[in-house]
Amino acid sequence: MQRITITIEDDLLAEIDAAAEARGYQNRSEIIRDLARAGLQQSTEDTAQTGPCVAGLVYVYDHAARDLSKRLVQEFHGHHDLALATLHVHLDDNNCMEMTALRGDAGEVRHFADHIIAERGVRYGRVVMIPTGEGKQAKVRKHGHRHE
């Protein structure tokens, strides 16, 4: 096992400490290892998706972070084919939340979302991907009346 040093925000550390106490962990290292394992497992499951999809990307960021807004705009312009619409919400004096509807190949959507979430100043991010099944033949359903 290796000893490492990380920098973590005070409020996030407080959440980790509260979760550790509530779950009965003996120290921070144990809960951080478990959270890292769970995150890696989720990441592996998320990246396994292939084919066309729609997705919702939600992230909270510090609007005062140096050049963050500029970097985000550049990312979105570089991937304009994926983004359908974005909603911007001012949460408080320091934080904004954006929710973006995406559509495209699952690998491209995941790659784009990962880059947005990884930007310095983005405090939280999550993407939910839903396969669209495009290219599959639609089932014919018989239900007693016609659609015209």
N, C-alpha and C. Protein backbone atom coordinates (compact mmCIF):
# COMPACT_ATOMS: atom_id res chain seq x y z
N MET A 1 0.84 -1.16 0.00
CA MET A 1 0.00 0.00 0.00
C MET A 1 0.89 1.24 0.00
N GLN A 2 0.45 2.27 -0.72
CA GLN A 2 1.24 3.50 -0.79
C GLN A 2 0.54 4.63 -0.05
N ARG A 3 1.32 5.51 0.50
CA ARG A 3 0.80 6.71 1.15
C ARG A 3 0.86 7.84 0.14
N ILE A 4 -0.25 8.58 -0.03
CA ILE A 4 -0.30 9.70 -0.96
C ILE A 4 -0.81 10.94 -0.24
N THR A 5 -0.61 12.08 -0.86
CA THR A 5 -1.13 13.34 -0.34
C THR A 5 -2.08 13.90 -1.38
N ILE A 6 -3.28 14.31 -0.95
CA ILE A 6 -4.23 14.93 -1.87
C ILE A 6 -4.72 16.24 -1.28
N THR A 7 -5.17 17.12 -2.15
CA THR A 7 -5.79 18.37 -1.72
C THR A 7 -7.29 18.22 -1.92
N ILE A 8 -8.06 18.56 -0.91
CA ILE A 8 -9.50 18.37 -0.97
C ILE A 8 -10.19 19.57 -0.31
N GLU A 9 -11.30 19.99 -0.87
CA GLU A 9 -12.04 21.14 -0.35
C GLU A 9 -12.58 20.82 1.04
N ASP A 10 -12.64 21.85 1.89
CA ASP A 10 -13.09 21.67 3.27
C ASP A 10 -14.49 21.08 3.36
N ASP A 11 -15.41 21.59 2.52
CA ASP A 11 -16.79 21.09 2.60
C ASP A 11 -16.90 19.64 2.14
N LEU A 12 -16.10 19.24 1.14
CA LEU A 12 -16.10 17.85 0.71
C LEU A 12 -15.52 16.94 1.78
N LEU A 13 -14.46 17.38 2.43
CA LEU A 13 -13.88 16.60 3.52
C LEU A 13 -14.87 16.44 4.67
N ALA A 14 -15.61 17.50 4.95
CA ALA A 14 -16.63 17.41 6.01
C ALA A 14 -17.69 16.37 5.66
N GLU A 15 -18.08 16.31 4.38
CA GLU A 15 -19.05 15.30 3.94
C GLU A 15 -18.47 13.89 4.07
N ILE A 16 -17.22 13.74 3.71
CA ILE A 16 -16.56 12.42 3.82
C ILE A 16 -16.48 12.01 5.28
N ASP A 17 -16.10 12.94 6.15
CA ASP A 17 -16.02 12.64 7.59
C ASP A 17 -17.38 12.25 8.15
N ALA A 18 -18.43 12.97 7.73
CA ALA A 18 -19.79 12.65 8.22
C ALA A 18 -20.22 11.27 7.73
N ALA A 19 -19.93 10.96 6.47
CA ALA A 19 -20.29 9.64 5.94
C ALA A 19 -19.50 8.54 6.64
N ALA A 20 -18.22 8.81 6.92
CA ALA A 20 -17.38 7.82 7.62
C ALA A 20 -17.94 7.52 9.00
N GLU A 21 -18.34 8.57 9.70
CA GLU A 21 -18.89 8.38 11.04
C GLU A 21 -20.22 7.63 10.98
N ALA A 22 -21.09 8.02 10.05
CA ALA A 22 -22.40 7.38 9.93
C ALA A 22 -22.29 5.91 9.56
N ARG A 23 -21.26 5.55 8.78
CA ARG A 23 -21.10 4.17 8.32
C ARG A 23 -20.15 3.36 9.20
N GLY A 24 -19.56 3.99 10.20
CA GLY A 24 -18.71 3.27 11.13
C GLY A 24 -17.29 3.02 10.68
N TYR A 25 -16.79 3.83 9.76
CA TYR A 25 -15.38 3.69 9.35
C TYR A 25 -14.47 4.14 10.47
N GLN A 26 -13.33 3.51 10.57
CA GLN A 26 -12.37 3.82 11.63
C GLN A 26 -11.50 5.03 11.28
N ASN A 27 -11.32 5.29 9.97
CA ASN A 27 -10.49 6.43 9.57
C ASN A 27 -10.85 6.87 8.15
N ARG A 28 -10.30 8.01 7.76
CA ARG A 28 -10.58 8.57 6.43
C ARG A 28 -10.06 7.68 5.31
N SER A 29 -8.91 7.07 5.52
CA SER A 29 -8.33 6.25 4.44
C SER A 29 -9.27 5.14 4.01
N GLU A 30 -9.92 4.50 4.97
CA GLU A 30 -10.82 3.39 4.64
C GLU A 30 -11.98 3.84 3.78
N ILE A 31 -12.64 4.94 4.16
CA ILE A 31 -13.80 5.39 3.38
C ILE A 31 -13.36 5.94 2.03
N ILE A 32 -12.24 6.61 1.96
CA ILE A 32 -11.77 7.14 0.68
C ILE A 32 -11.41 6.00 -0.26
N ARG A 33 -10.80 4.94 0.24
CA ARG A 33 -10.52 3.76 -0.60
C ARG A 33 -11.82 3.15 -1.13
N ASP A 34 -12.82 3.00 -0.24
CA ASP A 34 -14.09 2.42 -0.67
C ASP A 34 -14.81 3.31 -1.69
N LEU A 35 -14.79 4.62 -1.45
CA LEU A 35 -15.42 5.55 -2.39
C LEU A 35 -14.69 5.53 -3.73
N ALA A 36 -13.38 5.43 -3.71
CA ALA A 36 -12.60 5.35 -4.95
C ALA A 36 -12.95 4.08 -5.71
N ARG A 37 -13.04 2.95 -5.01
CA ARG A 37 -13.39 1.68 -5.66
C ARG A 37 -14.79 1.77 -6.29
N ALA A 38 -15.74 2.33 -5.55
CA ALA A 38 -17.10 2.45 -6.06
C ALA A 38 -17.14 3.37 -7.28
N GLY A 39 -16.38 4.46 -7.22
CA GLY A 39 -16.32 5.37 -8.35
C GLY A 39 -15.70 4.74 -9.57
N LEU A 40 -14.64 3.96 -9.38
CA LEU A 40 -14.00 3.27 -10.50
C LEU A 40 -14.92 2.22 -11.10
N GLN A 41 -15.65 1.50 -10.25
CA GLN A 41 -16.59 0.49 -10.75
C GLN A 41 -17.69 1.16 -11.57
N GLN A 42 -18.23 2.27 -11.06
CA GLN A 42 -19.28 3.00 -11.78
C GLN A 42 -18.75 3.52 -13.11
N SER A 43 -17.53 4.03 -13.09
CA SER A 43 -16.91 4.55 -14.31
C SER A 43 -16.76 3.45 -15.36
N THR A 44 -16.36 2.27 -14.92
CA THR A 44 -16.20 1.14 -15.84
C THR A 44 -17.54 0.76 -16.45
N GLU A 45 -18.58 0.73 -15.63
CA GLU A 45 -19.92 0.41 -16.14
C GLU A 45 -20.39 1.47 -17.12
N ASP A 46 -20.15 2.74 -16.79
CA ASP A 46 -20.59 3.84 -17.65
C ASP A 46 -19.89 3.83 -19.00
N THR A 47 -18.60 3.53 -19.01
CA THR A 47 -17.84 3.58 -20.26
C THR A 47 -18.09 2.37 -21.13
N ALA A 48 -18.75 1.35 -20.62
CA ALA A 48 -19.03 0.15 -21.41
C ALA A 48 -20.13 0.38 -22.44
N GLN A 49 -20.93 1.43 -22.28
CA GLN A 49 -22.04 1.70 -23.20
C GLN A 49 -21.51 2.11 -24.56
N THR A 50 -22.12 1.58 -25.62
CA THR A 50 -21.74 1.93 -26.99
C THR A 50 -22.99 2.24 -27.80
N GLY A 51 -22.78 2.84 -28.97
CA GLY A 51 -23.89 3.12 -29.87
C GLY A 51 -24.52 4.48 -29.60
N PRO A 52 -25.55 4.80 -30.33
CA PRO A 52 -26.20 6.10 -30.20
C PRO A 52 -26.92 6.24 -28.86
N CYS A 53 -26.89 7.45 -28.33
CA CYS A 53 -27.55 7.70 -27.05
C CYS A 53 -27.98 9.15 -26.94
N VAL A 54 -28.81 9.42 -25.96
CA VAL A 54 -29.09 10.77 -25.49
C VAL A 54 -28.56 10.81 -24.06
N ALA A 55 -28.25 12.01 -23.59
CA ALA A 55 -27.68 12.11 -22.25
C ALA A 55 -28.02 13.45 -21.62
N GLY A 56 -28.02 13.45 -20.30
CA GLY A 56 -28.14 14.68 -19.54
C GLY A 56 -26.85 14.89 -18.77
N LEU A 57 -26.20 16.02 -19.01
CA LEU A 57 -24.97 16.39 -18.31
C LEU A 57 -25.31 17.52 -17.35
N VAL A 58 -25.06 17.29 -16.06
CA VAL A 58 -25.33 18.29 -15.03
C VAL A 58 -24.03 18.56 -14.30
N TYR A 59 -23.70 19.83 -14.13
CA TYR A 59 -22.49 20.16 -13.39
C TYR A 59 -22.65 21.50 -12.69
N VAL A 60 -21.97 21.60 -11.54
CA VAL A 60 -21.94 22.82 -10.74
C VAL A 60 -20.52 23.33 -10.78
N TYR A 61 -20.37 24.63 -11.00
CA TYR A 61 -19.03 25.19 -11.09
C TYR A 61 -18.94 26.56 -10.45
N ASP A 62 -17.73 26.94 -10.13
CA ASP A 62 -17.41 28.24 -9.56
C ASP A 62 -17.30 29.22 -10.72
N HIS A 63 -18.28 30.12 -10.83
CA HIS A 63 -18.28 31.02 -11.99
C HIS A 63 -17.12 32.02 -11.96
N ALA A 64 -16.47 32.16 -10.81
CA ALA A 64 -15.34 33.09 -10.71
C ALA A 64 -13.99 32.41 -10.97
N ALA A 65 -13.99 31.09 -11.17
CA ALA A 65 -12.73 30.38 -11.42
C ALA A 65 -12.10 30.93 -12.69
N ARG A 66 -10.81 31.12 -12.63
CA ARG A 66 -10.07 31.78 -13.70
C ARG A 66 -10.28 31.11 -15.06
N ASP A 67 -10.82 31.84 -16.00
CA ASP A 67 -11.03 31.42 -17.39
C ASP A 67 -11.92 30.19 -17.56
N LEU A 68 -12.61 29.76 -16.49
CA LEU A 68 -13.43 28.55 -16.61
C LEU A 68 -14.56 28.74 -17.62
N SER A 69 -15.28 29.84 -17.52
CA SER A 69 -16.39 30.06 -18.47
C SER A 69 -15.89 30.04 -19.91
N LYS A 70 -14.75 30.65 -20.15
CA LYS A 70 -14.16 30.66 -21.49
C LYS A 70 -13.81 29.24 -21.95
N ARG A 71 -13.21 28.46 -21.05
CA ARG A 71 -12.84 27.08 -21.40
C ARG A 71 -14.08 26.23 -21.68
N LEU A 72 -15.13 26.42 -20.88
CA LEU A 72 -16.36 25.66 -21.09
C LEU A 72 -16.98 26.00 -22.44
N VAL A 73 -17.03 27.29 -22.76
CA VAL A 73 -17.59 27.71 -24.05
C VAL A 73 -16.79 27.11 -25.20
N GLN A 74 -15.47 27.11 -25.08
CA GLN A 74 -14.63 26.53 -26.13
C GLN A 74 -14.91 25.03 -26.29
N GLU A 75 -15.07 24.32 -25.17
CA GLU A 75 -15.39 22.88 -25.24
C GLU A 75 -16.72 22.66 -25.96
N PHE A 76 -17.73 23.48 -25.61
CA PHE A 76 -19.04 23.31 -26.22
C PHE A 76 -19.01 23.65 -27.71
N HIS A 77 -18.29 24.70 -28.07
CA HIS A 77 -18.19 25.04 -29.50
C HIS A 77 -17.44 23.96 -30.27
N GLY A 78 -16.47 23.34 -29.63
CA GLY A 78 -15.74 22.26 -30.28
C GLY A 78 -16.55 20.98 -30.44
N HIS A 79 -17.67 20.89 -29.73
CA HIS A 79 -18.54 19.70 -29.78
C HIS A 79 -19.99 20.11 -30.02
N HIS A 80 -20.19 21.12 -30.85
CA HIS A 80 -21.54 21.64 -31.09
C HIS A 80 -22.49 20.60 -31.65
N ASP A 81 -21.95 19.55 -32.27
CA ASP A 81 -22.79 18.51 -32.84
C ASP A 81 -23.42 17.61 -31.76
N LEU A 82 -22.89 17.65 -30.54
CA LEU A 82 -23.41 16.80 -29.46
C LEU A 82 -24.44 17.52 -28.60
N ALA A 83 -24.26 18.82 -28.39
CA ALA A 83 -25.11 19.57 -27.46
C ALA A 83 -26.40 20.03 -28.14
N LEU A 84 -27.53 19.67 -27.53
CA LEU A 84 -28.83 20.06 -28.07
C LEU A 84 -29.32 21.36 -27.43
N ALA A 85 -29.17 21.46 -26.11
CA ALA A 85 -29.64 22.64 -25.38
C ALA A 85 -28.99 22.66 -24.00
N THR A 86 -28.83 23.87 -23.45
CA THR A 86 -28.24 24.03 -22.12
C THR A 86 -29.08 25.00 -21.31
N LEU A 87 -29.31 24.64 -20.05
CA LEU A 87 -29.98 25.51 -19.09
C LEU A 87 -28.95 25.96 -18.07
N HIS A 88 -28.87 27.26 -17.82
CA HIS A 88 -27.91 27.84 -16.88
C HIS A 88 -28.68 28.40 -15.69
N VAL A 89 -28.25 28.02 -14.47
CA VAL A 89 -28.93 28.46 -13.24
C VAL A 89 -27.90 29.06 -12.29
N HIS A 90 -28.19 30.25 -11.76
CA HIS A 90 -27.33 30.87 -10.74
C HIS A 90 -27.78 30.33 -9.38
N LEU A 91 -26.93 29.58 -8.70
CA LEU A 91 -27.29 28.96 -7.42
C LEU A 91 -27.08 29.91 -6.25
N ASP A 92 -25.95 30.62 -6.25
CA ASP A 92 -25.63 31.56 -5.18
C ASP A 92 -24.56 32.51 -5.71
N ASP A 93 -23.92 33.25 -4.81
CA ASP A 93 -22.92 34.22 -5.23
C ASP A 93 -21.71 33.58 -5.92
N ASN A 94 -21.45 32.32 -5.66
CA ASN A 94 -20.25 31.68 -6.19
C ASN A 94 -20.50 30.57 -7.19
N ASN A 95 -21.66 29.96 -7.16
CA ASN A 95 -21.89 28.74 -7.93
C ASN A 95 -22.98 28.87 -8.97
N CYS A 96 -22.73 28.25 -10.11
CA CYS A 96 -23.71 28.12 -11.17
C CYS A 96 -23.88 26.64 -11.48
N MET A 97 -25.06 26.30 -11.98
CA MET A 97 -25.31 24.94 -12.41
C MET A 97 -25.75 24.99 -13.86
N GLU A 98 -25.24 24.07 -14.65
CA GLU A 98 -25.68 23.94 -16.02
C GLU A 98 -26.15 22.52 -16.26
N MET A 99 -27.22 22.41 -17.03
CA MET A 99 -27.77 21.12 -17.43
C MET A 99 -27.84 21.13 -18.95
N THR A 100 -27.19 20.16 -19.57
CA THR A 100 -27.11 20.11 -21.03
C THR A 100 -27.66 18.80 -21.54
N ALA A 101 -28.52 18.89 -22.54
CA ALA A 101 -29.01 17.70 -23.24
C ALA A 101 -28.03 17.41 -24.37
N LEU A 102 -27.58 16.16 -24.44
CA LEU A 102 -26.61 15.74 -25.45
C LEU A 102 -27.20 14.60 -26.28
N ARG A 103 -26.71 14.48 -27.52
CA ARG A 103 -27.10 13.35 -28.35
C ARG A 103 -25.94 13.00 -29.27
N GLY A 104 -25.63 11.71 -29.37
CA GLY A 104 -24.56 11.28 -30.25
C GLY A 104 -24.09 9.88 -29.90
N ASP A 105 -22.94 9.53 -30.42
CA ASP A 105 -22.33 8.24 -30.11
C ASP A 105 -21.94 8.22 -28.63
N ALA A 106 -22.21 7.12 -27.95
CA ALA A 106 -21.95 7.03 -26.51
C ALA A 106 -20.51 7.34 -26.15
N GLY A 107 -19.56 6.88 -26.94
CA GLY A 107 -18.16 7.14 -26.66
C GLY A 107 -17.83 8.62 -26.75
N GLU A 108 -18.36 9.30 -27.77
CA GLU A 108 -18.12 10.73 -27.93
C GLU A 108 -18.80 11.54 -26.83
N VAL A 109 -20.03 11.16 -26.47
CA VAL A 109 -20.75 11.83 -25.41
C VAL A 109 -20.00 11.68 -24.08
N ARG A 110 -19.56 10.45 -23.78
CA ARG A 110 -18.82 10.19 -22.54
C ARG A 110 -17.53 11.01 -22.51
N HIS A 111 -16.79 11.01 -23.61
CA HIS A 111 -15.53 11.74 -23.70
C HIS A 111 -15.75 13.25 -23.45
N PHE A 112 -16.75 13.81 -24.08
CA PHE A 112 -17.08 15.22 -23.91
C PHE A 112 -17.47 15.52 -22.46
N ALA A 113 -18.37 14.71 -21.91
CA ALA A 113 -18.83 14.92 -20.53
C ALA A 113 -17.67 14.81 -19.55
N ASP A 114 -16.80 13.84 -19.75
CA ASP A 114 -15.64 13.68 -18.87
C ASP A 114 -14.75 14.92 -18.90
N HIS A 115 -14.57 15.51 -20.09
CA HIS A 115 -13.73 16.71 -20.19
C HIS A 115 -14.37 17.90 -19.47
N ILE A 116 -15.67 18.04 -19.58
CA ILE A 116 -16.36 19.14 -18.88
C ILE A 116 -16.23 18.95 -17.37
N ILE A 117 -16.53 17.76 -16.89
CA ILE A 117 -16.50 17.47 -15.45
C ILE A 117 -15.09 17.62 -14.88
N ALA A 118 -14.07 17.33 -15.68
CA ALA A 118 -12.69 17.38 -15.20
C ALA A 118 -12.09 18.79 -15.21
N GLU A 119 -12.78 19.76 -15.79
CA GLU A 119 -12.24 21.12 -15.82
C GLU A 119 -12.03 21.65 -14.39
N ARG A 120 -10.90 22.31 -14.18
CA ARG A 120 -10.62 22.92 -12.88
C ARG A 120 -11.67 24.00 -12.61
N GLY A 121 -12.31 23.92 -11.45
CA GLY A 121 -13.38 24.85 -11.10
C GLY A 121 -14.76 24.22 -11.16
N VAL A 122 -14.87 23.07 -11.86
CA VAL A 122 -16.13 22.32 -11.85
C VAL A 122 -16.13 21.51 -10.56
N ARG A 123 -17.10 21.80 -9.70
CA ARG A 123 -17.11 21.20 -8.36
C ARG A 123 -17.81 19.84 -8.33
N TYR A 124 -18.79 19.67 -9.20
CA TYR A 124 -19.54 18.43 -9.22
C TYR A 124 -20.05 18.23 -10.63
N GLY A 125 -20.05 17.02 -11.10
CA GLY A 125 -20.60 16.75 -12.41
C GLY A 125 -21.07 15.32 -12.52
N ARG A 126 -22.10 15.13 -13.33
CA ARG A 126 -22.63 13.79 -13.53
C ARG A 126 -23.29 13.74 -14.90
N VAL A 127 -23.11 12.64 -15.58
CA VAL A 127 -23.79 12.44 -16.85
C VAL A 127 -24.62 11.17 -16.75
N VAL A 128 -25.82 11.23 -17.28
CA VAL A 128 -26.71 10.07 -17.35
C VAL A 128 -26.94 9.80 -18.82
N MET A 129 -26.54 8.62 -19.25
CA MET A 129 -26.63 8.26 -20.67
C MET A 129 -27.74 7.22 -20.87
N ILE A 130 -28.52 7.42 -21.94
CA ILE A 130 -29.64 6.53 -22.24
C ILE A 130 -29.51 6.07 -23.68
N PRO A 131 -29.37 4.78 -23.91
CA PRO A 131 -29.26 4.30 -25.30
C PRO A 131 -30.56 4.57 -26.06
N THR A 132 -30.43 4.98 -27.32
CA THR A 132 -31.63 5.27 -28.11
C THR A 132 -32.03 4.09 -28.98
N GLY A 133 -31.11 3.15 -29.21
CA GLY A 133 -31.46 1.98 -30.01
C GLY A 133 -31.68 2.29 -31.47
N GLU A 134 -31.19 3.45 -31.94
CA GLU A 134 -31.33 3.78 -33.35
C GLU A 134 -30.67 2.69 -34.18
N GLY A 135 -31.24 2.45 -35.32
CA GLY A 135 -30.68 1.41 -36.19
C GLY A 135 -31.35 0.06 -35.96
N LYS A 136 -32.04 -0.11 -34.86
CA LYS A 136 -32.76 -1.35 -34.62
C LYS A 136 -34.13 -1.26 -35.29
N GLN A 137 -34.61 -2.38 -35.73
CA GLN A 137 -35.92 -2.40 -36.36
C GLN A 137 -37.00 -2.27 -35.28
N ALA A 138 -37.95 -1.36 -35.53
CA ALA A 138 -39.03 -1.14 -34.58
C ALA A 138 -39.98 -2.33 -34.58
N LYS A 139 -40.50 -2.66 -33.41
CA LYS A 139 -41.48 -3.73 -33.31
C LYS A 139 -42.84 -3.23 -33.79
N VAL A 140 -43.55 -4.08 -34.49
CA VAL A 140 -44.90 -3.76 -34.90
C VAL A 140 -45.82 -4.23 -33.79
N ARG A 141 -46.63 -3.33 -33.30
CA ARG A 141 -47.54 -3.67 -32.22
C ARG A 141 -48.98 -3.65 -32.74
N LYS A 142 -49.71 -4.67 -32.43
CA LYS A 142 -51.11 -4.74 -32.81
C LYS A 142 -51.94 -4.41 -31.58
N HIS A 143 -52.78 -3.38 -31.74
CA HIS A 143 -53.55 -2.97 -30.58
C HIS A 143 -54.97 -2.55 -30.92
N GLY A 144 -55.53 -3.04 -32.04
CA GLY A 144 -56.95 -2.90 -32.29
C GLY A 144 -57.40 -1.63 -33.00
N HIS A 145 -56.54 -0.67 -33.26
CA HIS A 145 -56.95 0.50 -34.03
C HIS A 145 -55.79 1.02 -34.86
N ARG A 146 -56.11 1.90 -35.81
CA ARG A 146 -55.09 2.39 -36.74
C ARG A 146 -54.66 3.79 -36.36
N HIS A 147 -53.44 4.13 -36.71
CA HIS A 147 -52.92 5.49 -36.55
C HIS A 147 -52.75 6.08 -37.94
N GLU A 148 -53.34 7.22 -38.17
CA GLU A 148 -53.21 7.85 -39.49
C GLU A 148 -52.66 9.24 -39.37
